[in-house]
Amino acid sequence: MPVPSPWRPTDLTPAQREARRRAAAAQFPRVREGRLSQRAVARQVGASPSAVQQWYQAWRVGGRRALAARPRPGRAAKLTAAQWRTLGHLLRRGAIAAGYATEQWTLKRIAHLIRRHFGVRYHYRYLERPLKAHGFTPQRPAVQAKERDDAVVRAWLTRDWPALKKKLVAKGGRLPAWTKRVTRFGPA
């Protein structure tokens, strides 16, 4: 029975991908000798046969060095990992603690906080993607009236609402649909 591959997740880090290529390269001398097929190597490392074929071709031309990870193209990140962690702590402390009038975080406020705290400029419209990439998700505040008094609501639900329901039923009226209990699989 084949041993399960440690490289099963589809979202591997660059270091994990390089380790997978190196594990495949360790098997390539056996492939060249005809003792092992490229498909078998693909199954062992959890990659597609076409990927293993490309790795094999690169290995034949350039050896193990040809399978090393290449630098990632593109612009360097504006904030370091430590700065993103610090930003997470600042966001968890709340917007009021950061000096804003309300507790709601907006992209404009977060961009302003980053500029003020780290000296790095992000345009607020382009901040959503890096925030998501670092595990931040949009949070919607619960809408609640400022004047709401939970004790009064509980009293109304326990004392006044049952009396209103009794009066309505006694008069022969029907209860509104929003007062009926809903079940997932049909009527109770």
C-alpha atoms as a PDB file:
ATOM      1  CA  MET A   1       0.000   0.000   0.000  1.00  0.00           C
ATOM      2  CA  PRO A   2       1.487   3.402  -0.979  1.00  0.00           C
ATOM      3  CA  VAL A   3       2.497   5.789   1.783  1.00  0.00           C
ATOM      4  CA  PRO A   4       0.347   8.963   1.808  1.00  0.00           C
ATOM      5  CA  SER A   5       2.179  12.044   0.599  1.00  0.00           C
ATOM      6  CA  PRO A   6       2.932  14.791   3.127  1.00  0.00           C
ATOM      7  CA  TRP A   7       2.296  17.359   0.357  1.00  0.00           C
ATOM      8  CA  ARG A   8      -1.465  16.964  -0.018  1.00  0.00           C
ATOM      9  CA  PRO A   9      -2.707  20.514   0.659  1.00  0.00           C
ATOM     10  CA  THR A  10      -3.152  22.567  -2.481  1.00  0.00           C
ATOM     11  CA  ASP A  11      -1.902  25.798  -0.924  1.00  0.00           C
ATOM     12  CA  LEU A  12       1.771  25.155  -0.191  1.00  0.00           C
ATOM     13  CA  THR A  13       4.298  27.752   0.883  1.00  0.00           C
ATOM     14  CA  PRO A  14       7.281  28.387  -1.414  1.00  0.00           C
ATOM     15  CA  ALA A  15       9.516  26.449   1.000  1.00  0.00           C
ATOM     16  CA  GLN A  16       7.128  23.471   0.951  1.00  0.00           C
ATOM     17  CA  ARG A  17       7.006  23.534  -2.850  1.00  0.00           C
ATOM     18  CA  GLU A  18      10.804  23.554  -3.012  1.00  0.00           C
ATOM     19  CA  ALA A  19      10.979  20.662  -0.531  1.00  0.00           C
ATOM     20  CA  ARG A  20       8.553  18.740  -2.728  1.00  0.00           C
ATOM     21  CA  ARG A  21      10.693  19.355  -5.822  1.00  0.00           C
ATOM     22  CA  ARG A  22      13.813  18.232  -3.927  1.00  0.00           C
ATOM     23  CA  ALA A  23      12.039  15.061  -2.762  1.00  0.00           C
ATOM     24  CA  ALA A  24      11.144  14.346  -6.387  1.00  0.00           C
ATOM     25  CA  ALA A  25      14.737  15.071  -7.457  1.00  0.00           C
ATOM     26  CA  ALA A  26      15.974  12.442  -4.991  1.00  0.00           C
ATOM     27  CA  GLN A  27      14.003   9.881  -7.023  1.00  0.00           C
ATOM     28  CA  PHE A  28      15.125  11.086 -10.468  1.00  0.00           C
ATOM     29  CA  PRO A  29      18.267   8.861 -10.668  1.00  0.00           C
ATOM     30  CA  ARG A  30      15.964   5.836 -10.305  1.00  0.00           C
ATOM     31  CA  VAL A  31      13.734   7.305 -13.050  1.00  0.00           C
ATOM     32  CA  ARG A  32      16.751   7.685 -15.355  1.00  0.00           C
ATOM     33  CA  GLU A  33      17.753   4.060 -14.688  1.00  0.00           C
ATOM     34  CA  GLY A  34      14.217   2.917 -15.549  1.00  0.00           C
ATOM     35  CA  ARG A  35      13.484   1.497 -12.069  1.00  0.00           C
ATOM     36  CA  LEU A  36      10.781   4.087 -11.333  1.00  0.00           C
ATOM     37  CA  SER A  37       8.316   5.966 -13.503  1.00  0.00           C
ATOM     38  CA  GLN A  38       7.623   9.688 -13.414  1.00  0.00           C
ATOM     39  CA  ARG A  39       4.001   8.881 -12.568  1.00  0.00           C
ATOM     40  CA  ALA A  40       5.120   6.985  -9.469  1.00  0.00           C
ATOM     41  CA  VAL A  41       7.218   9.972  -8.392  1.00  0.00           C
ATOM     42  CA  ALA A  42       4.203  12.237  -8.977  1.00  0.00           C
ATOM     43  CA  ARG A  43       2.082  10.020  -6.719  1.00  0.00           C
ATOM     44  CA  GLN A  44       4.783   9.998  -4.028  1.00  0.00           C
ATOM     45  CA  VAL A  45       5.119  13.764  -3.849  1.00  0.00           C
ATOM     46  CA  GLY A  46       1.461  14.619  -4.542  1.00  0.00           C
ATOM     47  CA  ALA A  47       2.103  16.520  -7.776  1.00  0.00           C
ATOM     48  CA  SER A  48       0.772  16.208 -11.293  1.00  0.00           C
ATOM     49  CA  PRO A  49       2.669  14.038 -13.770  1.00  0.00           C
ATOM     50  CA  SER A  50       3.211  17.036 -16.050  1.00  0.00           C
ATOM     51  CA  ALA A  51       4.815  18.999 -13.183  1.00  0.00           C
ATOM     52  CA  VAL A  52       7.139  16.078 -12.432  1.00  0.00           C
ATOM     53  CA  GLN A  53       8.021  15.873 -16.133  1.00  0.00           C
ATOM     54  CA  GLN A  54       8.989  19.568 -16.141  1.00  0.00           C
ATOM     55  CA  TRP A  55      11.037  19.099 -12.967  1.00  0.00           C
ATOM     56  CA  TYR A  56      12.755  16.071 -14.493  1.00  0.00           C
ATOM     57  CA  GLN A  57      13.680  18.023 -17.634  1.00  0.00           C
ATOM     58  CA  ALA A  58      15.060  20.890 -15.534  1.00  0.00           C
ATOM     59  CA  TRP A  59      16.958  18.418 -13.327  1.00  0.00           C
ATOM     60  CA  ARG A  60      18.544  16.727 -16.361  1.00  0.00           C
ATOM     61  CA  VAL A  61      19.780  20.067 -17.679  1.00  0.00           C
ATOM     62  CA  GLY A  62      20.749  21.874 -14.469  1.00  0.00           C
ATOM     63  CA  GLY A  63      20.786  19.322 -11.665  1.00  0.00           C
ATOM     64  CA  ARG A  64      19.279  19.952  -8.221  1.00  0.00           C
ATOM     65  CA  ARG A  65      20.117  23.650  -8.506  1.00  0.00           C
ATOM     66  CA  ALA A  66      17.578  24.028 -11.302  1.00  0.00           C
ATOM     67  CA  LEU A  67      14.803  23.009  -8.866  1.00  0.00           C
ATOM     68  CA  ALA A  68      15.669  25.642  -6.237  1.00  0.00           C
ATOM     69  CA  ALA A  69      13.083  28.298  -5.440  1.00  0.00           C
ATOM     70  CA  ARG A  70      13.429  31.512  -7.385  1.00  0.00           C
ATOM     71  CA  PRO A  71      12.903  34.939  -5.868  1.00  0.00           C
ATOM     72  CA  ARG A  72       9.307  36.065  -6.044  1.00  0.00           C
ATOM     73  CA  PRO A  73       8.780  38.854  -8.567  1.00  0.00           C
ATOM     74  CA  GLY A  74       7.031  42.049  -7.694  1.00  0.00           C
ATOM     75  CA  ARG A  75       7.325  44.856  -5.261  1.00  0.00           C
ATOM     76  CA  ALA A  76       8.424  44.169  -1.705  1.00  0.00           C
ATOM     77  CA  ALA A  77       5.759  44.327   0.982  1.00  0.00           C
ATOM     78  CA  LYS A  78       5.235  47.717   2.589  1.00  0.00           C
ATOM     79  CA  LEU A  79       4.760  46.311   6.083  1.00  0.00           C
ATOM     80  CA  THR A  80       6.752  43.526   7.722  1.00  0.00           C
ATOM     81  CA  ALA A  81       5.114  40.551   9.428  1.00  0.00           C
ATOM     82  CA  ALA A  82       5.844  42.111  12.828  1.00  0.00           C
ATOM     83  CA  GLN A  83       4.159  45.356  11.727  1.00  0.00           C
ATOM     84  CA  TRP A  84       1.066  43.429  10.574  1.00  0.00           C
ATOM     85  CA  ARG A  85       0.901  41.775  14.015  1.00  0.00           C
ATOM     86  CA  THR A  86       1.207  45.182  15.671  1.00  0.00           C
ATOM     87  CA  LEU A  87      -1.567  46.478  13.416  1.00  0.00           C
ATOM     88  CA  GLY A  88      -3.741  43.552  14.529  1.00  0.00           C
ATOM     89  CA  HIS A  89      -3.196  44.530  18.177  1.00  0.00           C
ATOM     90  CA  LEU A  90      -4.060  48.153  17.397  1.00  0.00           C
ATOM     91  CA  LEU A  91      -7.249  47.147  15.586  1.00  0.00           C
ATOM     92  CA  ARG A  92      -8.315  44.818  18.410  1.00  0.00           C
ATOM     93  CA  ARG A  93      -7.893  47.609  20.954  1.00  0.00           C
ATOM     94  CA  GLY A  94     -10.578  49.517  19.084  1.00  0.00           C
ATOM     95  CA  ALA A  95     -11.063  52.682  17.074  1.00  0.00           C
ATOM     96  CA  ILE A  96     -11.821  54.812  20.129  1.00  0.00           C
ATOM     97  CA  ALA A  97      -8.502  53.783  21.704  1.00  0.00           C
ATOM     98  CA  ALA A  98      -6.816  54.813  18.428  1.00  0.00           C
ATOM     99  CA  GLY A  99      -8.327  58.301  18.742  1.00  0.00           C
ATOM    100  CA  TYR A 100     -11.477  58.096  16.616  1.00  0.00           C
ATOM    101  CA  ALA A 101     -14.937  59.274  17.676  1.00  0.00           C
ATOM    102  CA  THR A 102     -16.774  55.981  17.074  1.00  0.00           C
ATOM    103  CA  GLU A 103     -15.834  52.321  17.422  1.00  0.00           C
ATOM    104  CA  GLN A 104     -16.273  51.539  13.719  1.00  0.00           C
ATOM    105  CA  TRP A 105     -13.174  50.782  11.640  1.00  0.00           C
ATOM    106  CA  THR A 106     -13.264  51.900   8.017  1.00  0.00           C
ATOM    107  CA  LEU A 107     -10.625  51.398   5.354  1.00  0.00           C
ATOM    108  CA  LYS A 108      -9.888  55.138   5.452  1.00  0.00           C
ATOM    109  CA  ARG A 109      -9.332  54.979   9.197  1.00  0.00           C
ATOM    110  CA  ILE A 110      -7.099  51.910   8.928  1.00  0.00           C
ATOM    111  CA  ALA A 111      -5.041  53.571   6.159  1.00  0.00           C
ATOM    112  CA  HIS A 112      -4.707  56.677   8.341  1.00  0.00           C
ATOM    113  CA  LEU A 113      -3.679  54.542  11.347  1.00  0.00           C
ATOM    114  CA  ILE A 114      -1.023  52.744   9.267  1.00  0.00           C
ATOM    115  CA  ARG A 115       0.353  56.055   8.002  1.00  0.00           C
ATOM    116  CA  ARG A 116       0.350  57.568  11.499  1.00  0.00           C
ATOM    117  CA  HIS A 117       1.818  54.551  13.286  1.00  0.00           C
ATOM    118  CA  PHE A 118       4.239  53.085  10.703  1.00  0.00           C
ATOM    119  CA  GLY A 119       4.827  55.981   8.290  1.00  0.00           C
ATOM    120  CA  VAL A 120       3.649  53.832   5.357  1.00  0.00           C
ATOM    121  CA  ARG A 121       1.100  55.167   2.897  1.00  0.00           C
ATOM    122  CA  TYR A 122      -1.671  52.862   1.682  1.00  0.00           C
ATOM    123  CA  HIS A 123      -4.542  54.160  -0.385  1.00  0.00           C
ATOM    124  CA  TYR A 124      -7.691  53.012   1.368  1.00  0.00           C
ATOM    125  CA  ARG A 125      -9.196  51.537  -1.805  1.00  0.00           C
ATOM    126  CA  TYR A 126      -6.243  49.168  -2.190  1.00  0.00           C
ATOM    127  CA  LEU A 127      -6.031  48.175   1.452  1.00  0.00           C
ATOM    128  CA  GLU A 128      -8.730  45.494   1.399  1.00  0.00           C
ATOM    129  CA  ARG A 129      -6.608  42.838  -0.339  1.00  0.00           C
ATOM    130  CA  PRO A 130      -3.569  43.031   1.995  1.00  0.00           C
ATOM    131  CA  LEU A 131      -5.891  43.060   5.011  1.00  0.00           C
ATOM    132  CA  LYS A 132      -7.607  39.879   3.784  1.00  0.00           C
ATOM    133  CA  ALA A 133      -4.243  38.279   3.036  1.00  0.00           C
ATOM    134  CA  HIS A 134      -3.251  38.824   6.674  1.00  0.00           C
ATOM    135  CA  GLY A 135      -6.448  37.346   8.099  1.00  0.00           C
ATOM    136  CA  PHE A 136      -8.520  40.478   8.706  1.00  0.00           C
ATOM    137  CA  THR A 137     -12.184  40.287   7.728  1.00  0.00           C
ATOM    138  CA  PRO A 138     -14.821  43.011   7.452  1.00  0.00           C
ATOM    139  CA  GLN A 139     -16.930  43.233  10.575  1.00  0.00           C
ATOM    140  CA  ARG A 140     -20.413  44.679  10.539  1.00  0.00           C
ATOM    141  CA  PRO A 141     -21.456  46.301  13.795  1.00  0.00           C
ATOM    142  CA  ALA A 142     -24.748  45.095  15.236  1.00  0.00           C
ATOM    143  CA  VAL A 143     -27.415  47.703  14.551  1.00  0.00           C
ATOM    144  CA  GLN A 144     -29.039  48.670  17.797  1.00  0.00           C
ATOM    145  CA  ALA A 145     -30.944  51.743  18.913  1.00  0.00           C
ATOM    146  CA  LYS A 146     -29.004  54.017  21.272  1.00  0.00           C
ATOM    147  CA  GLU A 147     -32.059  54.315  23.521  1.00  0.00           C
ATOM    148  CA  ARG A 148     -32.573  50.553  23.784  1.00  0.00           C
ATOM    149  CA  ASP A 149     -33.177  49.247  27.292  1.00  0.00           C
ATOM    150  CA  ASP A 150     -32.887  45.453  27.472  1.00  0.00           C
ATOM    151  CA  ALA A 151     -34.798  45.268  30.768  1.00  0.00           C
ATOM    152  CA  VAL A 152     -37.797  47.041  29.216  1.00  0.00           C
ATOM    153  CA  VAL A 153     -37.685  44.763  26.147  1.00  0.00           C
ATOM    154  CA  ARG A 154     -37.610  41.638  28.342  1.00  0.00           C
ATOM    155  CA  ALA A 155     -40.518  42.944  30.438  1.00  0.00           C
ATOM    156  CA  TRP A 156     -42.577  43.690  27.328  1.00  0.00           C
ATOM    157  CA  LEU A 157     -41.906  40.215  25.898  1.00  0.00           C
ATOM    158  CA  THR A 158     -42.838  38.416  29.132  1.00  0.00           C
ATOM    159  CA  ARG A 159     -45.758  40.564  30.327  1.00  0.00           C
ATOM    160  CA  ASP A 160     -47.332  42.647  27.539  1.00  0.00           C
ATOM    161  CA  TRP A 161     -46.835  40.500  24.429  1.00  0.00           C
ATOM    162  CA  PRO A 162     -48.634  37.386  25.774  1.00  0.00           C
ATOM    163  CA  ALA A 163     -51.604  39.565  26.779  1.00  0.00           C
ATOM    164  CA  LEU A 164     -51.764  41.105  23.306  1.00  0.00           C
ATOM    165  CA  LYS A 165     -51.642  37.653  21.694  1.00  0.00           C
ATOM    166  CA  LYS A 166     -54.519  36.424  23.892  1.00  0.00           C
ATOM    167  CA  LYS A 167     -56.674  39.439  22.984  1.00  0.00           C
ATOM    168  CA  LEU A 168     -56.012  38.956  19.286  1.00  0.00           C
ATOM    169  CA  VAL A 169     -56.838  35.240  19.395  1.00  0.00           C
ATOM    170  CA  ALA A 170     -59.987  35.893  21.496  1.00  0.00           C
ATOM    171  CA  LYS A 171     -61.281  38.341  18.864  1.00  0.00           C
ATOM    172  CA  GLY A 172     -60.788  35.686  16.195  1.00  0.00           C
ATOM    173  CA  GLY A 173     -57.962  37.528  14.480  1.00  0.00           C
ATOM    174  CA  ARG A 174     -54.970  35.856  12.975  1.00  0.00           C
ATOM    175  CA  LEU A 175     -51.493  36.348  14.339  1.00  0.00           C
ATOM    176  CA  PRO A 176     -48.997  37.949  12.002  1.00  0.00           C
ATOM    177  CA  ALA A 177     -46.655  35.545  10.236  1.00  0.00           C
ATOM    178  CA  TRP A 178     -43.582  36.858  12.062  1.00  0.00           C
ATOM    179  CA  THR A 179     -45.035  35.637  15.387  1.00  0.00           C
ATOM    180  CA  LYS A 180     -45.292  32.005  14.311  1.00  0.00           C
ATOM    181  CA  ARG A 181     -42.538  29.551  15.122  1.00  0.00           C
ATOM    182  CA  VAL A 182     -40.641  28.487  12.035  1.00  0.00           C
ATOM    183  CA  THR A 183     -39.251  25.008  11.584  1.00  0.00           C
ATOM    184  CA  ARG A 184     -36.751  23.994   8.995  1.00  0.00           C
ATOM    185  CA  PHE A 185     -38.572  20.907   7.714  1.00  0.00           C
ATOM    186  CA  GLY A 186     -42.167  22.045   7.535  1.00  0.00           C
ATOM    187  CA  PRO A 187     -44.981  22.660  10.014  1.00  0.00           C
ATOM    188  CA  ALA A 188     -44.626  21.542  13.622  1.00  0.00           C
END
